[in-house]
Amino acid sequence: MAEHGHVVLVHRPDQSVRSFADLWSVVNPTIVVAMDGVDLPGSVTAQFGPRRFLRGHELIRHEEIGRIQTRHVFKREHCRLGYAFPVQPALEAVETQRRTGAAEAAPSLGLPAVRTITVAGGNPASVFRPLTDG
């Protein structure tokens, strides 16, 4: 990208350290890509519009990642699949897409339905017990 005159800036937004207005006064980005789990204020998305502001999860085919993950664990002789995702609205789209891909791949490998739970903290034993029981 550098040979074409592009610069990539990776910045984890923290409004308590620097506001987006301050950041934009230093950097005038051509495009902003918000990675999974990062929720930018509406003023930022409006400033860049739909062509210049992209959500990272929209650039990646998460259904295919779910299928790849399923084949990977199957090759390692796992016979059941389970997804444990945190209760975080920003990750819901990714979780749904990956789970869909895994659910599509499982039957062709002879695996049972994928089990999914949401995690809201707690100790690891209680988190994974519902995935491993039965």
Protein backbone atom coordinates (compact mmCIF):
# COMPACT_ATOMS: atom_id res chain seq x y z
CA MET A 1 0.00 0.00 0.00
CA ALA A 2 2.85 2.39 0.79
CA GLU A 3 4.20 2.22 -2.75
CA HIS A 4 0.82 3.54 -3.91
CA GLY A 5 0.95 6.46 -1.47
CA HIS A 6 -1.38 4.99 1.15
CA VAL A 7 -0.73 5.05 4.87
CA VAL A 8 -2.41 2.67 7.28
CA LEU A 9 -3.05 3.94 10.79
CA VAL A 10 -4.24 1.46 13.39
CA HIS A 11 -5.89 3.20 16.30
CA ARG A 12 -7.93 1.75 19.12
CA PRO A 13 -10.44 4.49 19.85
CA ASP A 14 -10.64 5.61 23.43
CA GLN A 15 -12.74 8.74 23.81
CA SER A 16 -11.33 9.31 27.30
CA VAL A 17 -7.84 9.78 25.82
CA ARG A 18 -8.59 11.56 22.54
CA SER A 19 -11.88 12.49 20.93
CA PHE A 20 -12.59 11.62 17.31
CA ALA A 21 -12.69 15.33 16.48
CA ASP A 22 -9.12 15.65 17.84
CA LEU A 23 -7.99 12.58 15.93
CA TRP A 24 -9.49 13.82 12.66
CA SER A 25 -7.71 17.17 13.11
CA VAL A 26 -4.41 15.25 12.99
CA VAL A 27 -5.38 12.59 10.43
CA ASN A 28 -7.76 13.05 7.51
CA PRO A 29 -8.47 9.41 6.58
CA THR A 30 -9.61 8.36 3.15
CA ILE A 31 -11.43 5.42 4.65
CA VAL A 32 -12.25 4.25 8.19
CA VAL A 33 -12.61 0.55 8.96
CA ALA A 34 -14.15 -0.23 12.34
CA MET A 35 -13.07 -3.64 13.50
CA ASP A 36 -15.39 -6.07 15.21
CA GLY A 37 -16.54 -4.94 18.61
CA VAL A 38 -15.65 -1.29 18.06
CA ASP A 39 -18.71 0.89 18.07
CA LEU A 40 -18.03 4.35 16.71
CA PRO A 41 -20.37 7.25 17.44
CA GLY A 42 -22.98 8.16 14.84
CA SER A 43 -21.22 11.48 14.23
CA VAL A 44 -18.17 9.58 12.96
CA THR A 45 -20.12 7.30 10.64
CA ALA A 46 -22.13 10.27 9.32
CA GLN A 47 -18.96 12.27 8.69
CA PHE A 48 -17.53 9.58 6.41
CA GLY A 49 -20.71 8.24 4.84
CA PRO A 50 -21.32 4.66 3.68
CA ARG A 51 -18.55 4.66 1.06
CA ARG A 52 -15.79 5.79 3.42
CA PHE A 53 -16.87 4.10 6.65
CA LEU A 54 -16.85 0.30 6.72
CA ARG A 55 -17.42 -2.19 9.48
CA GLY A 56 -14.74 -4.86 9.54
CA HIS A 57 -17.20 -7.72 9.96
CA GLU A 58 -18.83 -6.70 6.67
CA LEU A 59 -15.55 -7.22 4.80
CA ILE A 60 -15.03 -10.80 5.96
CA ARG A 61 -17.12 -13.80 4.96
CA HIS A 62 -17.76 -15.14 8.45
CA GLU A 63 -19.95 -17.99 7.19
CA GLU A 64 -16.89 -19.36 5.40
CA ILE A 65 -14.80 -18.94 8.56
CA GLY A 66 -17.42 -20.98 10.44
CA ARG A 67 -17.16 -23.75 7.82
CA ILE A 68 -13.35 -23.66 7.96
CA GLN A 69 -13.40 -23.83 11.78
CA THR A 70 -15.76 -26.81 11.64
CA ARG A 71 -13.56 -28.73 9.20
CA HIS A 72 -10.50 -27.86 11.30
CA VAL A 73 -11.86 -29.27 14.56
CA PHE A 74 -13.30 -32.30 12.73
CA LYS A 75 -9.84 -33.11 11.34
CA ARG A 76 -8.58 -33.07 14.91
CA GLU A 77 -11.16 -35.73 15.74
CA HIS A 78 -13.58 -33.59 17.73
CA CYS A 79 -17.08 -35.02 17.53
CA ARG A 80 -19.17 -32.12 18.92
CA LEU A 81 -19.11 -28.40 18.22
CA GLY A 82 -20.02 -25.57 20.54
CA TYR A 83 -19.83 -21.80 20.31
CA ALA A 84 -19.52 -19.64 23.42
CA PHE A 85 -19.92 -15.94 22.69
CA PRO A 86 -19.92 -12.98 25.07
CA VAL A 87 -23.10 -10.99 25.51
CA GLN A 88 -21.98 -8.13 23.33
CA PRO A 89 -24.29 -6.67 20.67
CA ALA A 90 -21.34 -5.64 18.49
CA LEU A 91 -20.35 -9.31 18.06
CA GLU A 92 -23.84 -10.64 17.32
CA ALA A 93 -23.55 -10.36 13.53
CA VAL A 94 -20.20 -12.18 13.51
CA GLU A 95 -21.47 -14.89 15.87
CA THR A 96 -24.58 -15.48 13.79
CA GLN A 97 -22.64 -15.73 10.54
CA ARG A 98 -19.94 -18.05 11.93
CA ARG A 99 -22.52 -20.26 13.62
CA THR A 100 -24.46 -20.45 10.34
CA GLY A 101 -21.34 -21.58 8.47
CA ALA A 102 -20.56 -24.17 11.14
CA ALA A 103 -24.15 -25.44 11.08
CA GLU A 104 -23.97 -25.81 7.29
CA ALA A 105 -20.71 -27.78 7.43
CA ALA A 106 -21.51 -30.08 10.37
CA PRO A 107 -24.00 -32.47 8.68
CA SER A 108 -21.71 -33.22 5.75
CA LEU A 109 -19.06 -34.33 8.26
CA GLY A 110 -21.51 -36.43 10.26
CA LEU A 111 -21.44 -34.05 13.23
CA PRO A 112 -24.47 -33.27 15.40
CA ALA A 113 -26.00 -29.79 15.52
CA VAL A 114 -23.78 -26.99 16.77
CA ARG A 115 -24.56 -25.92 20.33
CA THR A 116 -24.35 -22.23 21.20
CA ILE A 117 -24.40 -20.37 24.47
CA THR A 118 -23.92 -16.73 25.37
CA VAL A 119 -21.51 -15.86 28.13
CA ALA A 120 -22.09 -13.09 30.64
CA GLY A 121 -19.10 -13.77 32.88
CA GLY A 122 -18.88 -16.45 35.51
CA ASN A 123 -16.37 -19.18 36.06
CA PRO A 124 -15.13 -21.22 33.06
CA ALA A 125 -16.57 -24.51 34.32
CA SER A 126 -20.10 -23.11 34.37
CA VAL A 127 -19.63 -21.52 30.95
CA PHE A 128 -18.55 -24.69 29.18
CA ARG A 129 -20.69 -27.23 31.01
CA PRO A 130 -23.77 -26.57 28.84
CA LEU A 131 -21.67 -27.12 25.73
CA THR A 132 -20.19 -30.40 26.89
CA ASP A 133 -23.16 -32.02 28.68
CA GLY A 134 -25.23 -34.43 26.68
